[in-house]
Amino acid sequence: MANHKATKKDTRQATKRRDRNRYYGKTTRNAIRDLKEIKDEKAYGESLPEVISMIDKLAKKGVIHKNKAGNLKSKLSKKAAVKA
């Protein structure tokens, strides 16, 4: 265990950040899963920008890599183009 006050604080902050990142990551994965299950093309098109925004926020915060975010957005957008 850490002995310095600053190191103890850093450990507490890292724990909070990890929990927050896990929550947002899981929420986004659930949103992607729900989006993929939508069969109606109009509903899919309306939900797509919200999910893409969630993915962008994860990439900006460093929870996921920017290339992974791009790949996810590309696949979801390609599916929207096929449905249209």
PDB file of N, CA and C in Angstrom:
ATOM      1  N   MET A   1       0.847  -1.189   0.000  1.00  0.00           N
ATOM      2  CA  MET A   1       0.000   0.000   0.000  1.00  0.00           C
ATOM      3  C   MET A   1       0.879   1.234   0.000  1.00  0.00           C
ATOM      4  N   ALA A   2       0.394   2.304  -0.586  1.00  0.00           N
ATOM      5  CA  ALA A   2       1.145   3.552  -0.686  1.00  0.00           C
ATOM      6  C   ALA A   2       1.300   4.196   0.688  1.00  0.00           C
ATOM      7  N   ASN A   3       2.404   4.913   0.863  1.00  0.00           N
ATOM      8  CA  ASN A   3       2.671   5.570   2.132  1.00  0.00           C
ATOM      9  C   ASN A   3       2.566   7.085   2.051  1.00  0.00           C
ATOM     10  N   HIS A   4       2.766   7.658   0.879  1.00  0.00           N
ATOM     11  CA  HIS A   4       2.700   9.102   0.731  1.00  0.00           C
ATOM     12  C   HIS A   4       1.254   9.559   0.529  1.00  0.00           C
ATOM     13  N   LYS A   5       0.944  10.738   1.065  1.00  0.00           N
ATOM     14  CA  LYS A   5      -0.419  11.257   0.929  1.00  0.00           C
ATOM     15  C   LYS A   5      -0.809  11.409  -0.535  1.00  0.00           C
ATOM     16  N   ALA A   6       0.105  11.933  -1.343  1.00  0.00           N
ATOM     17  CA  ALA A   6      -0.197  12.164  -2.758  1.00  0.00           C
ATOM     18  C   ALA A   6      -0.450  10.844  -3.490  1.00  0.00           C
ATOM     19  N   THR A   7       0.287   9.818  -3.127  1.00  0.00           N
ATOM     20  CA  THR A   7       0.116   8.527  -3.780  1.00  0.00           C
ATOM     21  C   THR A   7      -1.210   7.887  -3.367  1.00  0.00           C
ATOM     22  N   LYS A   8      -1.582   8.066  -2.111  1.00  0.00           N
ATOM     23  CA  LYS A   8      -2.878   7.550  -1.654  1.00  0.00           C
ATOM     24  C   LYS A   8      -4.015   8.255  -2.393  1.00  0.00           C
ATOM     25  N   LYS A   9      -3.874   9.565  -2.545  1.00  0.00           N
ATOM     26  CA  LYS A   9      -4.890  10.329  -3.264  1.00  0.00           C
ATOM     27  C   LYS A   9      -4.957   9.873  -4.718  1.00  0.00           C
ATOM     28  N   ASP A  10      -3.804   9.661  -5.338  1.00  0.00           N
ATOM     29  CA  ASP A  10      -3.765   9.217  -6.728  1.00  0.00           C
ATOM     30  C   ASP A  10      -4.454   7.858  -6.881  1.00  0.00           C
ATOM     31  N   THR A  11      -4.261   6.993  -5.890  1.00  0.00           N
ATOM     32  CA  THR A  11      -4.913   5.683  -5.915  1.00  0.00           C
ATOM     33  C   THR A  11      -6.429   5.828  -5.837  1.00  0.00           C
ATOM     34  N   ARG A  12      -6.895   6.720  -4.969  1.00  0.00           N
ATOM     35  CA  ARG A  12      -8.336   6.968  -4.861  1.00  0.00           C
ATOM     36  C   ARG A  12      -8.888   7.521  -6.165  1.00  0.00           C
ATOM     37  N   GLN A  13      -8.180   8.455  -6.764  1.00  0.00           N
ATOM     38  CA  GLN A  13      -8.638   9.050  -8.019  1.00  0.00           C
ATOM     39  C   GLN A  13      -8.667   8.014  -9.138  1.00  0.00           C
ATOM     40  N   ALA A  14      -7.646   7.163  -9.184  1.00  0.00           N
ATOM     41  CA  ALA A  14      -7.580   6.140 -10.231  1.00  0.00           C
ATOM     42  C   ALA A  14      -8.754   5.169 -10.099  1.00  0.00           C
ATOM     43  N   THR A  15      -9.111   4.846  -8.866  1.00  0.00           N
ATOM     44  CA  THR A  15     -10.246   3.951  -8.641  1.00  0.00           C
ATOM     45  C   THR A  15     -11.535   4.582  -9.129  1.00  0.00           C
ATOM     46  N   LYS A  16     -11.726   5.862  -8.822  1.00  0.00           N
ATOM     47  CA  LYS A  16     -12.931   6.562  -9.275  1.00  0.00           C
ATOM     48  C   LYS A  16     -12.980   6.639 -10.796  1.00  0.00           C
ATOM     49  N   ARG A  17     -11.830   6.963 -11.408  1.00  0.00           N
ATOM     50  CA  ARG A  17     -11.783   7.058 -12.869  1.00  0.00           C
ATOM     51  C   ARG A  17     -12.072   5.709 -13.512  1.00  0.00           C
ATOM     52  N   ARG A  18     -11.493   4.643 -12.946  1.00  0.00           N
ATOM     53  CA  ARG A  18     -11.700   3.312 -13.516  1.00  0.00           C
ATOM     54  C   ARG A  18     -13.178   2.926 -13.453  1.00  0.00           C
ATOM     55  N   ASP A  19     -13.804   3.187 -12.307  1.00  0.00           N
ATOM     56  CA  ASP A  19     -15.227   2.866 -12.178  1.00  0.00           C
ATOM     57  C   ASP A  19     -16.073   3.674 -13.152  1.00  0.00           C
ATOM     58  N   ARG A  20     -15.748   4.954 -13.279  1.00  0.00           N
ATOM     59  CA  ARG A  20     -16.485   5.823 -14.195  1.00  0.00           C
ATOM     60  C   ARG A  20     -16.306   5.350 -15.633  1.00  0.00           C
ATOM     61  N   ASN A  21     -15.076   5.030 -16.019  1.00  0.00           N
ATOM     62  CA  ASN A  21     -14.803   4.572 -17.384  1.00  0.00           C
ATOM     63  C   ASN A  21     -15.503   3.242 -17.677  1.00  0.00           C
ATOM     64  N   ARG A  22     -15.513   2.352 -16.694  1.00  0.00           N
ATOM     65  CA  ARG A  22     -16.188   1.073 -16.888  1.00  0.00           C
ATOM     66  C   ARG A  22     -17.679   1.284 -17.075  1.00  0.00           C
ATOM     67  N   TYR A  23     -18.257   2.201 -16.298  1.00  0.00           N
ATOM     68  CA  TYR A  23     -19.694   2.479 -16.413  1.00  0.00           C
ATOM     69  C   TYR A  23     -20.021   3.026 -17.797  1.00  0.00           C
ATOM     70  N   TYR A  24     -19.297   4.043 -18.241  1.00  0.00           N
ATOM     71  CA  TYR A  24     -19.582   4.643 -19.541  1.00  0.00           C
ATOM     72  C   TYR A  24     -19.309   3.667 -20.681  1.00  0.00           C
ATOM     73  N   GLY A  25     -18.262   2.865 -20.545  1.00  0.00           N
ATOM     74  CA  GLY A  25     -17.957   1.874 -21.571  1.00  0.00           C
ATOM     75  C   GLY A  25     -19.055   0.839 -21.683  1.00  0.00           C
ATOM     76  N   LYS A  26     -19.529   0.351 -20.558  1.00  0.00           N
ATOM     77  CA  LYS A  26     -20.591  -0.659 -20.563  1.00  0.00           C
ATOM     78  C   LYS A  26     -21.895  -0.071 -21.089  1.00  0.00           C
ATOM     79  N   THR A  27     -22.201   1.170 -20.695  1.00  0.00           N
ATOM     80  CA  THR A  27     -23.415   1.829 -21.170  1.00  0.00           C
ATOM     81  C   THR A  27     -23.387   1.980 -22.686  1.00  0.00           C
ATOM     82  N   THR A  28     -22.231   2.350 -23.213  1.00  0.00           N
ATOM     83  CA  THR A  28     -22.098   2.514 -24.655  1.00  0.00           C
ATOM     84  C   THR A  28     -22.217   1.174 -25.373  1.00  0.00           C
ATOM     85  N   ARG A  29     -21.606   0.141 -24.831  1.00  0.00           N
ATOM     86  CA  ARG A  29     -21.715  -1.183 -25.445  1.00  0.00           C
ATOM     87  C   ARG A  29     -23.169  -1.656 -25.465  1.00  0.00           C
ATOM     88  N   ASN A  30     -23.900  -1.376 -24.388  1.00  0.00           N
ATOM     89  CA  ASN A  30     -25.316  -1.743 -24.355  1.00  0.00           C
ATOM     90  C   ASN A  30     -26.106  -0.957 -25.402  1.00  0.00           C
ATOM     91  N   ALA A  31     -25.769   0.320 -25.562  1.00  0.00           N
ATOM     92  CA  ALA A  31     -26.461   1.146 -26.559  1.00  0.00           C
ATOM     93  C   ALA A  31     -26.180   0.628 -27.966  1.00  0.00           C
ATOM     94  N   ILE A  32     -24.950   0.213 -28.227  1.00  0.00           N
ATOM     95  CA  ILE A  32     -24.600  -0.345 -29.534  1.00  0.00           C
ATOM     96  C   ILE A  32     -25.370  -1.641 -29.770  1.00  0.00           C
ATOM     97  N   ARG A  33     -25.423  -2.472 -28.746  1.00  0.00           N
ATOM     98  CA  ARG A  33     -26.162  -3.739 -28.864  1.00  0.00           C
ATOM     99  C   ARG A  33     -27.636  -3.475 -29.162  1.00  0.00           C
ATOM    100  N   ASP A  34     -28.241  -2.540 -28.438  1.00  0.00           N
ATOM    101  CA  ASP A  34     -29.648  -2.214 -28.659  1.00  0.00           C
ATOM    102  C   ASP A  34     -29.872  -1.630 -30.048  1.00  0.00           C
ATOM    103  N   LEU A  35     -28.917  -0.824 -30.523  1.00  0.00           N
ATOM    104  CA  LEU A  35     -29.031  -0.236 -31.847  1.00  0.00           C
ATOM    105  C   LEU A  35     -28.994  -1.310 -32.928  1.00  0.00           C
ATOM    106  N   LYS A  36     -28.133  -2.301 -32.746  1.00  0.00           N
ATOM    107  CA  LYS A  36     -28.028  -3.371 -33.737  1.00  0.00           C
ATOM    108  C   LYS A  36     -29.300  -4.208 -33.816  1.00  0.00           C
ATOM    109  N   GLU A  37     -30.059  -4.248 -32.725  1.00  0.00           N
ATOM    110  CA  GLU A  37     -31.276  -5.053 -32.703  1.00  0.00           C
ATOM    111  C   GLU A  37     -32.460  -4.352 -33.365  1.00  0.00           C
ATOM    112  N   ILE A  38     -32.336  -3.046 -33.629  1.00  0.00           N
ATOM    113  CA  ILE A  38     -33.431  -2.296 -34.231  1.00  0.00           C
ATOM    114  C   ILE A  38     -33.598  -2.720 -35.691  1.00  0.00           C
ATOM    115  N   LYS A  39     -34.811  -3.100 -36.049  1.00  0.00           N
ATOM    116  CA  LYS A  39     -35.095  -3.541 -37.415  1.00  0.00           C
ATOM    117  C   LYS A  39     -35.649  -2.411 -38.272  1.00  0.00           C
ATOM    118  N   ASP A  40     -36.346  -1.462 -37.649  1.00  0.00           N
ATOM    119  CA  ASP A  40     -36.964  -0.355 -38.380  1.00  0.00           C
ATOM    120  C   ASP A  40     -35.883   0.648 -38.795  1.00  0.00           C
ATOM    121  N   GLU A  41     -35.791   0.920 -40.098  1.00  0.00           N
ATOM    122  CA  GLU A  41     -34.717   1.793 -40.578  1.00  0.00           C
ATOM    123  C   GLU A  41     -34.860   3.234 -40.098  1.00  0.00           C
ATOM    124  N   LYS A  42     -36.087   3.706 -39.922  1.00  0.00           N
ATOM    125  CA  LYS A  42     -36.276   5.076 -39.451  1.00  0.00           C
ATOM    126  C   LYS A  42     -35.817   5.211 -37.997  1.00  0.00           C
ATOM    127  N   ALA A  43     -36.187   4.264 -37.172  1.00  0.00           N
ATOM    128  CA  ALA A  43     -35.780   4.277 -35.768  1.00  0.00           C
ATOM    129  C   ALA A  43     -34.266   4.118 -35.647  1.00  0.00           C
ATOM    130  N   TYR A  44     -33.703   3.285 -36.522  1.00  0.00           N
ATOM    131  CA  TYR A  44     -32.250   3.092 -36.528  1.00  0.00           C
ATOM    132  C   TYR A  44     -31.544   4.403 -36.839  1.00  0.00           C
ATOM    133  N   GLY A  45     -32.035   5.103 -37.849  1.00  0.00           N
ATOM    134  CA  GLY A  45     -31.433   6.373 -38.248  1.00  0.00           C
ATOM    135  C   GLY A  45     -31.544   7.441 -37.179  1.00  0.00           C
ATOM    136  N   GLU A  46     -32.632   7.413 -36.408  1.00  0.00           N
ATOM    137  CA  GLU A  46     -32.806   8.393 -35.337  1.00  0.00           C
ATOM    138  C   GLU A  46     -31.903   8.096 -34.145  1.00  0.00           C
ATOM    139  N   SER A  47     -31.656   6.835 -33.866  1.00  0.00           N
ATOM    140  CA  SER A  47     -30.841   6.451 -32.716  1.00  0.00           C
ATOM    141  C   SER A  47     -29.347   6.508 -33.007  1.00  0.00           C
ATOM    142  N   LEU A  48     -28.986   6.412 -34.275  1.00  0.00           N
ATOM    143  CA  LEU A  48     -27.569   6.353 -34.654  1.00  0.00           C
ATOM    144  C   LEU A  48     -26.747   7.549 -34.165  1.00  0.00           C
ATOM    145  N   PRO A  49     -27.186   8.799 -34.328  1.00  0.00           N
ATOM    146  CA  PRO A  49     -26.360   9.927 -33.876  1.00  0.00           C
ATOM    147  C   PRO A  49     -26.082   9.924 -32.369  1.00  0.00           C
ATOM    148  N   GLU A  50     -27.040   9.458 -31.575  1.00  0.00           N
ATOM    149  CA  GLU A  50     -26.831   9.396 -30.131  1.00  0.00           C
ATOM    150  C   GLU A  50     -25.725   8.402 -29.778  1.00  0.00           C
ATOM    151  N   VAL A  51     -25.749   7.252 -30.430  1.00  0.00           N
ATOM    152  CA  VAL A  51     -24.747   6.221 -30.156  1.00  0.00           C
ATOM    153  C   VAL A  51     -23.371   6.673 -30.654  1.00  0.00           C
ATOM    154  N   ILE A  52     -23.340   7.310 -31.820  1.00  0.00           N
ATOM    155  CA  ILE A  52     -22.065   7.806 -32.347  1.00  0.00           C
ATOM    156  C   ILE A  52     -21.482   8.856 -31.410  1.00  0.00           C
ATOM    157  N   SER A  53     -22.331   9.684 -30.830  1.00  0.00           N
ATOM    158  CA  SER A  53     -21.876  10.684 -29.867  1.00  0.00           C
ATOM    159  C   SER A  53     -21.266  10.017 -28.641  1.00  0.00           C
ATOM    160  N   MET A  54     -21.896   8.951 -28.168  1.00  0.00           N
ATOM    161  CA  MET A  54     -21.369   8.221 -27.013  1.00  0.00           C
ATOM    162  C   MET A  54     -19.997   7.632 -27.336  1.00  0.00           C
ATOM    163  N   ILE A  55     -19.850   7.087 -28.535  1.00  0.00           N
ATOM    164  CA  ILE A  55     -18.576   6.494 -28.948  1.00  0.00           C
ATOM    165  C   ILE A  55     -17.495   7.571 -29.023  1.00  0.00           C
ATOM    166  N   ASP A  56     -17.839   8.736 -29.589  1.00  0.00           N
ATOM    167  CA  ASP A  56     -16.875   9.836 -29.686  1.00  0.00           C
ATOM    168  C   ASP A  56     -16.407  10.298 -28.310  1.00  0.00           C
ATOM    169  N   LYS A  57     -17.330  10.356 -27.355  1.00  0.00           N
ATOM    170  CA  LYS A  57     -16.967  10.782 -26.005  1.00  0.00           C
ATOM    171  C   LYS A  57     -15.995   9.794 -25.361  1.00  0.00           C
ATOM    172  N   LEU A  58     -16.219   8.499 -25.584  1.00  0.00           N
ATOM    173  CA  LEU A  58     -15.303   7.494 -25.042  1.00  0.00           C
ATOM    174  C   LEU A  58     -13.909   7.647 -25.638  1.00  0.00           C
ATOM    175  N   ALA A  59     -13.858   7.901 -26.939  1.00  0.00           N
ATOM    176  CA  ALA A  59     -12.556   8.058 -27.603  1.00  0.00           C
ATOM    177  C   ALA A  59     -11.859   9.323 -27.114  1.00  0.00           C
ATOM    178  N   LYS A  60     -12.611  10.385 -26.917  1.00  0.00           N
ATOM    179  CA  LYS A  60     -12.032  11.648 -26.462  1.00  0.00           C
ATOM    180  C   LYS A  60     -11.439  11.508 -25.069  1.00  0.00           C
ATOM    181  N   LYS A  61     -12.110  10.738 -24.207  1.00  0.00           N
ATOM    182  CA  LYS A  61     -11.634  10.545 -22.835  1.00  0.00           C
ATOM    183  C   LYS A  61     -10.535   9.484 -22.750  1.00  0.00           C
ATOM    184  N   GLY A  62     -10.325   8.754 -23.837  1.00  0.00           N
ATOM    185  CA  GLY A  62      -9.280   7.741 -23.834  1.00  0.00           C
ATOM    186  C   GLY A  62      -9.732   6.397 -23.310  1.00  0.00           C
ATOM    187  N   VAL A  63     -11.034   6.209 -23.161  1.00  0.00           N
ATOM    188  CA  VAL A  63     -11.537   4.925 -22.689  1.00  0.00           C
ATOM    189  C   VAL A  63     -11.349   3.871 -23.773  1.00  0.00           C
ATOM    190  N   ILE A  64     -11.591   4.263 -25.028  1.00  0.00           N
ATOM    191  CA  ILE A  64     -11.314   3.388 -26.164  1.00  0.00           C
ATOM    192  C   ILE A  64     -10.396   4.142 -27.123  1.00  0.00           C
ATOM    193  N   HIS A  65      -9.702   3.419 -27.957  1.00  0.00           N
ATOM    194  CA  HIS A  65      -8.776   4.021 -28.911  1.00  0.00           C
ATOM    195  C   HIS A  65      -9.565   4.720 -30.023  1.00  0.00           C
ATOM    196  N   LYS A  66      -8.997   5.760 -30.578  1.00  0.00           N
ATOM    197  CA  LYS A  66      -9.705   6.525 -31.618  1.00  0.00           C
ATOM    198  C   LYS A  66      -9.955   5.687 -32.860  1.00  0.00           C
ATOM    199  N   ASN A  67      -9.066   4.762 -33.176  1.00  0.00           N
ATOM    200  CA  ASN A  67      -9.284   3.905 -34.340  1.00  0.00           C
ATOM    201  C   ASN A  67     -10.429   2.922 -34.093  1.00  0.00           C
ATOM    202  N   LYS A  68     -10.533   2.432 -32.870  1.00  0.00           N
ATOM    203  CA  LYS A  68     -11.643   1.539 -32.534  1.00  0.00           C
ATOM    204  C   LYS A  68     -12.958   2.306 -32.646  1.00  0.00           C
ATOM    205  N   ALA A  69     -12.952   3.549 -32.194  1.00  0.00           N
ATOM    206  CA  ALA A  69     -14.158   4.379 -32.299  1.00  0.00           C
ATOM    207  C   ALA A  69     -14.532   4.560 -33.767  1.00  0.00           C
ATOM    208  N   GLY A  70     -13.543   4.822 -34.600  1.00  0.00           N
ATOM    209  CA  GLY A  70     -13.804   4.989 -36.025  1.00  0.00           C
ATOM    210  C   GLY A  70     -14.352   3.726 -36.654  1.00  0.00           C
ATOM    211  N   ASN A  71     -13.802   2.590 -36.255  1.00  0.00           N
ATOM    212  CA  ASN A  71     -14.281   1.316 -36.797  1.00  0.00           C
ATOM    213  C   ASN A  71     -15.729   1.043 -36.380  1.00  0.00           C
ATOM    214  N   LEU A  72     -16.042   1.313 -35.110  1.00  0.00           N
ATOM    215  CA  LEU A  72     -17.411   1.109 -34.637  1.00  0.00           C
ATOM    216  C   LEU A  72     -18.387   2.007 -35.384  1.00  0.00           C
ATOM    217  N   LYS A  73     -18.032   3.284 -35.512  1.00  0.00           N
ATOM    218  CA  LYS A  73     -18.916   4.230 -36.199  1.00  0.00           C
ATOM    219  C   LYS A  73     -19.097   3.845 -37.660  1.00  0.00           C
ATOM    220  N   SER A  74     -18.023   3.377 -38.284  1.00  0.00           N
ATOM    221  CA  SER A  74     -18.090   2.983 -39.685  1.00  0.00           C
ATOM    222  C   SER A  74     -19.040   1.806 -39.883  1.00  0.00           C
ATOM    223  N   LYS A  75     -18.927   0.806 -39.030  1.00  0.00           N
ATOM    224  CA  LYS A  75     -19.791  -0.370 -39.158  1.00  0.00           C
ATOM    225  C   LYS A  75     -21.251  -0.016 -38.939  1.00  0.00           C
ATOM    226  N   LEU A  76     -21.511   0.835 -37.933  1.00  0.00           N
ATOM    227  CA  LEU A  76     -22.893   1.211 -37.654  1.00  0.00           C
ATOM    228  C   LEU A  76     -23.464   2.074 -38.780  1.00  0.00           C
ATOM    229  N   SER A  77     -22.643   2.960 -39.321  1.00  0.00           N
ATOM    230  CA  SER A  77     -23.104   3.827 -40.414  1.00  0.00           C
ATOM    231  C   SER A  77     -23.333   3.029 -41.694  1.00  0.00           C
ATOM    232  N   LYS A  78     -22.474   2.047 -41.924  1.00  0.00           N
ATOM    233  CA  LYS A  78     -22.622   1.190 -43.108  1.00  0.00           C
ATOM    234  C   LYS A  78     -23.937   0.428 -43.043  1.00  0.00           C
ATOM    235  N   LYS A  79     -24.279  -0.013 -41.846  1.00  0.00           N
ATOM    236  CA  LYS A  79     -25.545  -0.728 -41.664  1.00  0.00           C
ATOM    237  C   LYS A  79     -26.723   0.213 -41.925  1.00  0.00           C
ATOM    238  N   ALA A  80     -26.589   1.490 -41.535  1.00  0.00           N
ATOM    239  CA  ALA A  80     -27.643   2.464 -41.773  1.00  0.00           C
ATOM    240  C   ALA A  80     -27.791   2.729 -43.272  1.00  0.00           C
ATOM    241  N   ALA A  81     -26.676   2.752 -44.003  1.00  0.00           N
ATOM    242  CA  ALA A  81     -26.712   2.991 -45.451  1.00  0.00           C
ATOM    243  C   ALA A  81     -27.386   1.820 -46.158  1.00  0.00           C
ATOM    244  N   VAL A  82     -27.149   0.624 -45.671  1.00  0.00           N
ATOM    245  CA  VAL A  82     -27.751  -0.563 -46.282  1.00  0.00           C
ATOM    246  C   VAL A  82     -29.255  -0.571 -46.024  1.00  0.00           C
ATOM    247  N   LYS A  83     -29.660  -0.148 -44.820  1.00  0.00           N
ATOM    248  CA  LYS A  83     -31.083  -0.119 -44.488  1.00  0.00           C
ATOM    249  C   LYS A  83     -31.836   0.928 -45.269  1.00  0.00           C
ATOM    250  N   ALA A  84     -31.143   2.026 -45.624  1.00  0.00           N
ATOM    251  CA  ALA A  84     -31.821   3.150 -46.305  1.00  0.00           C
ATOM    252  C   ALA A  84     -32.146   2.851 -47.743  1.00  0.00           C
TER     253      ALA A  84
END
